[in-house]
Each structure stands twice: as structure tokens, then as C-alpha cells.
C-alpha atoms as a PDB file:
ATOM      1  CA  MET A   1       6.575 -14.978 115.796  1.00  0.00           C
ATOM      2  CA  SER A   2       4.531 -18.134 116.228  1.00  0.00           C
ATOM      3  CA  PRO A   3       5.088 -20.343 119.252  1.00  0.00           C
ATOM      4  CA  ARG A   4       7.073 -23.529 118.733  1.00  0.00           C
ATOM      5  CA  LYS A   5       5.211 -26.779 118.693  1.00  0.00           C
ATOM      6  CA  ASP A   6       5.967 -29.279 121.372  1.00  0.00           C
ATOM      7  CA  SER A   7       7.549 -32.429 119.980  1.00  0.00           C
ATOM      8  CA  SER A   8       4.896 -34.518 121.751  1.00  0.00           C
ATOM      9  CA  GLU A   9       2.112 -32.951 119.653  1.00  0.00           C
ATOM     10  CA  THR A  10       1.161 -34.950 116.608  1.00  0.00           C
ATOM     11  CA  GLU A  11       0.523 -33.217 113.350  1.00  0.00           C
ATOM     12  CA  THR A  12      -2.742 -34.122 111.671  1.00  0.00           C
ATOM     13  CA  PHE A  13      -3.347 -33.863 107.977  1.00  0.00           C
ATOM     14  CA  ARG A  14      -5.861 -35.092 105.454  1.00  0.00           C
ATOM     15  CA  VAL A  15      -4.981 -37.799 102.997  1.00  0.00           C
ATOM     16  CA  ARG A  16      -7.046 -38.394  99.891  1.00  0.00           C
ATOM     17  CA  THR A  17      -8.446 -41.902  99.815  1.00  0.00           C
ATOM     18  CA  PRO A  18      -9.849 -43.545  96.690  1.00  0.00           C
ATOM     19  CA  ARG A  19     -13.527 -43.016  95.979  1.00  0.00           C
ATOM     20  CA  ARG A  20     -14.567 -46.495  94.912  1.00  0.00           C
ATOM     21  CA  GLN A  21     -17.937 -45.304  93.586  1.00  0.00           C
ATOM     22  CA  ASP A  22     -16.021 -43.113  91.100  1.00  0.00           C
ATOM     23  CA  GLY A  23     -13.801 -46.056  90.111  1.00  0.00           C
ATOM     24  CA  GLU A  24     -10.564 -44.676  91.569  1.00  0.00           C
ATOM     25  CA  ILE A  25      -7.782 -47.200  92.220  1.00  0.00           C
ATOM     26  CA  PHE A  26      -4.141 -47.079  93.316  1.00  0.00           C
ATOM     27  CA  GLY A  27      -1.301 -47.416  90.840  1.00  0.00           C
ATOM     28  CA  ILE A  28       2.480 -47.116  90.593  1.00  0.00           C
ATOM     29  CA  ILE A  29       4.199 -45.305  87.739  1.00  0.00           C
ATOM     30  CA  ILE A  30       6.506 -47.747  85.964  1.00  0.00           C
ATOM     31  CA  GLN A  31       7.502 -45.700  82.899  1.00  0.00           C
ATOM     32  CA  MET A  32       7.405 -42.124  81.672  1.00  0.00           C
ATOM     33  CA  LEU A  33       6.204 -42.018  78.056  1.00  0.00           C
ATOM     34  CA  GLY A  34       6.347 -38.306  77.257  1.00  0.00           C
ATOM     35  CA  HIS A  35       3.620 -35.945  76.064  1.00  0.00           C
ATOM     36  CA  ASP A  36       1.918 -36.065  79.496  1.00  0.00           C
ATOM     37  CA  ARG A  37       1.576 -39.843  79.475  1.00  0.00           C
ATOM     38  CA  VAL A  38       2.814 -42.491  81.909  1.00  0.00           C
ATOM     39  CA  ARG A  39       2.606 -46.261  82.117  1.00  0.00           C
ATOM     40  CA  VAL A  40       0.933 -47.303  85.382  1.00  0.00           C
ATOM     41  CA  ARG A  41       0.682 -50.703  87.103  1.00  0.00           C
ATOM     42  CA  CYS A  42      -2.714 -50.628  88.815  1.00  0.00           C
ATOM     43  CA  GLU A  43      -3.819 -52.576  91.884  1.00  0.00           C
ATOM     44  CA  ASP A  44      -6.066 -54.781  89.742  1.00  0.00           C
ATOM     45  CA  GLU A  45      -2.867 -56.102  88.056  1.00  0.00           C
ATOM     46  CA  GLU A  46      -3.536 -54.246  84.788  1.00  0.00           C
ATOM     47  CA  ILE A  47      -0.897 -52.080  83.125  1.00  0.00           C
ATOM     48  CA  ARG A  48      -2.476 -48.961  81.668  1.00  0.00           C
ATOM     49  CA  VAL A  49      -1.353 -45.832  79.865  1.00  0.00           C
ATOM     50  CA  GLY A  50      -2.233 -42.905  82.102  1.00  0.00           C
ATOM     51  CA  ARG A  51      -2.879 -39.341  80.994  1.00  0.00           C
ATOM     52  CA  ILE A  52      -1.710 -36.510  83.254  1.00  0.00           C
ATOM     53  CA  PRO A  53      -4.206 -33.615  83.018  1.00  0.00           C
ATOM     54  CA  GLY A  54      -2.915 -30.080  82.488  1.00  0.00           C
ATOM     55  CA  ARG A  55      -3.883 -28.911  85.985  1.00  0.00           C
ATOM     56  CA  MET A  56      -1.514 -31.529  87.486  1.00  0.00           C
ATOM     57  CA  LYS A  57       1.194 -31.319  84.827  1.00  0.00           C
ATOM     58  CA  LYS A  58       2.023 -27.735  85.736  1.00  0.00           C
ATOM     59  CA  ARG A  59       1.956 -28.170  89.524  1.00  0.00           C
ATOM     60  CA  VAL A  60       3.006 -31.740  90.352  1.00  0.00           C
ATOM     61  CA  TRP A  61       6.202 -33.474  89.268  1.00  0.00           C
ATOM     62  CA  MET A  62       5.847 -37.200  88.679  1.00  0.00           C
ATOM     63  CA  ARG A  63       8.604 -39.799  88.558  1.00  0.00           C
ATOM     64  CA  VAL A  64       8.946 -43.533  88.087  1.00  0.00           C
ATOM     65  CA  GLY A  65       7.985 -45.303  91.323  1.00  0.00           C
ATOM     66  CA  ASP A  66       5.454 -42.706  92.498  1.00  0.00           C
ATOM     67  CA  THR A  67       2.175 -43.995  93.922  1.00  0.00           C
ATOM     68  CA  VAL A  68      -0.794 -42.386  92.196  1.00  0.00           C
ATOM     69  CA  LEU A  69      -4.563 -42.526  92.144  1.00  0.00           C
ATOM     70  CA  VAL A  70      -6.041 -43.338  88.733  1.00  0.00           C
ATOM     71  CA  VAL A  71      -9.483 -43.587  87.154  1.00  0.00           C
ATOM     72  CA  PRO A  72      -9.799 -46.134  84.311  1.00  0.00           C
ATOM     73  CA  TRP A  73     -11.669 -44.872  81.283  1.00  0.00           C
ATOM     74  CA  ASP A  74     -15.267 -45.981  80.728  1.00  0.00           C
ATOM     75  CA  PHE A  75     -14.261 -47.341  77.329  1.00  0.00           C
ATOM     76  CA  GLN A  76     -10.864 -49.048  76.904  1.00  0.00           C
ATOM     77  CA  SER A  77     -10.796 -49.517  80.689  1.00  0.00           C
ATOM     78  CA  ASP A  78      -8.128 -52.233  80.431  1.00  0.00           C
ATOM     79  CA  GLU A  79      -5.785 -49.990  78.454  1.00  0.00           C
ATOM     80  CA  LYS A  80      -6.102 -46.343  79.505  1.00  0.00           C
ATOM     81  CA  CYS A  81      -6.728 -44.184  82.574  1.00  0.00           C
ATOM     82  CA  ASP A  82      -6.482 -40.674  83.971  1.00  0.00           C
ATOM     83  CA  VAL A  83      -4.076 -39.810  86.791  1.00  0.00           C
ATOM     84  CA  VAL A  84      -5.963 -37.773  89.400  1.00  0.00           C
ATOM     85  CA  TRP A  85      -3.615 -37.647  92.412  1.00  0.00           C
ATOM     86  CA  ARG A  86       0.032 -38.252  93.393  1.00  0.00           C
ATOM     87  CA  TYR A  87       0.839 -39.326  96.937  1.00  0.00           C
ATOM     88  CA  ARG A  88       3.817 -38.066  98.930  1.00  0.00           C
ATOM     89  CA  ASN A  89       5.909 -40.382 101.125  1.00  0.00           C
ATOM     90  CA  ASN A  90       4.244 -39.372 104.392  1.00  0.00           C
ATOM     91  CA  GLU A  91       0.800 -39.943 102.856  1.00  0.00           C
ATOM     92  CA  ILE A  92       1.846 -43.408 101.644  1.00  0.00           C
ATOM     93  CA  ASP A  93       3.036 -44.290 105.168  1.00  0.00           C
ATOM     94  CA  TRP A  94      -0.289 -43.101 106.625  1.00  0.00           C
ATOM     95  CA  LEU A  95      -2.274 -45.200 104.127  1.00  0.00           C
ATOM     96  CA  LYS A  96      -0.140 -48.290 104.841  1.00  0.00           C
ATOM     97  CA  ASN A  97      -0.507 -47.901 108.618  1.00  0.00           C
ATOM     98  CA  ARG A  98      -4.302 -47.702 108.285  1.00  0.00           C
ATOM     99  CA  GLY A  99      -4.405 -50.747 105.984  1.00  0.00           C
ATOM    100  CA  ILE A 100      -5.905 -48.794 103.098  1.00  0.00           C
ATOM    101  CA  LEU A 101      -2.928 -49.233 100.767  1.00  0.00           C
ATOM    102  CA  LYS A 102      -1.844 -52.821 100.372  1.00  0.00           C
ATOM    103  CA  MET A 103       1.255 -53.229  98.275  1.00  0.00           C
ATOM    104  CA  PHE A 104       0.518 -54.986  95.026  1.00  0.00           C
END
């Protein structure tokens, strides 16, 4: 049996931050469209149709209101994007406390 952790110990974990050189930006899911597509309001005030890749579709459930990391397409960058990451509530709190995620 593993020893219990003391309540004074803080748990550390890694949170994925956007890689700006790859064009990743934050977004919030505002509508589920079906067929692995979602409508996302991005931090640059654009509303895009996001595609959920198969590797995420099978492992990660997404709902309206979830904060996600998206990559706009090279062409049609104002209209479409790929969803690359979904943040959990504790990760969102960590990003807000560090000033990385500013609500938009």
C-alpha cells in the first residue's frame, strides 16, 4: 500500500500551453455540429468550424462550453480549424492563475 500524501503537499502537473509558432490559439466550443465537427469561438474573436481528429474523438468527450486549443487552417483560416487539445477544469484554473488564459 502506498503512503498517504500529506495535505500540505502540493500536487504538480503539466499543462499544455499554446505553441504560438505553430499557430495554436484558445477557443471555446459554442455548438456541436455532428460528424466530428464543432463551432468554436476563438480568442481572436473569429468563429470557426473545428474538426475533431479521430485520435481525440475516441478518447476525449467534448461538450458545449469546453475550452480547447485549436490550430486555424493555412487556407480558409478565418473559417476552419483543427481541435488539438481539450482542457479540464483544474488546467483552466492553472492557466488563469498564471495569466496565460485571459477570458475572451
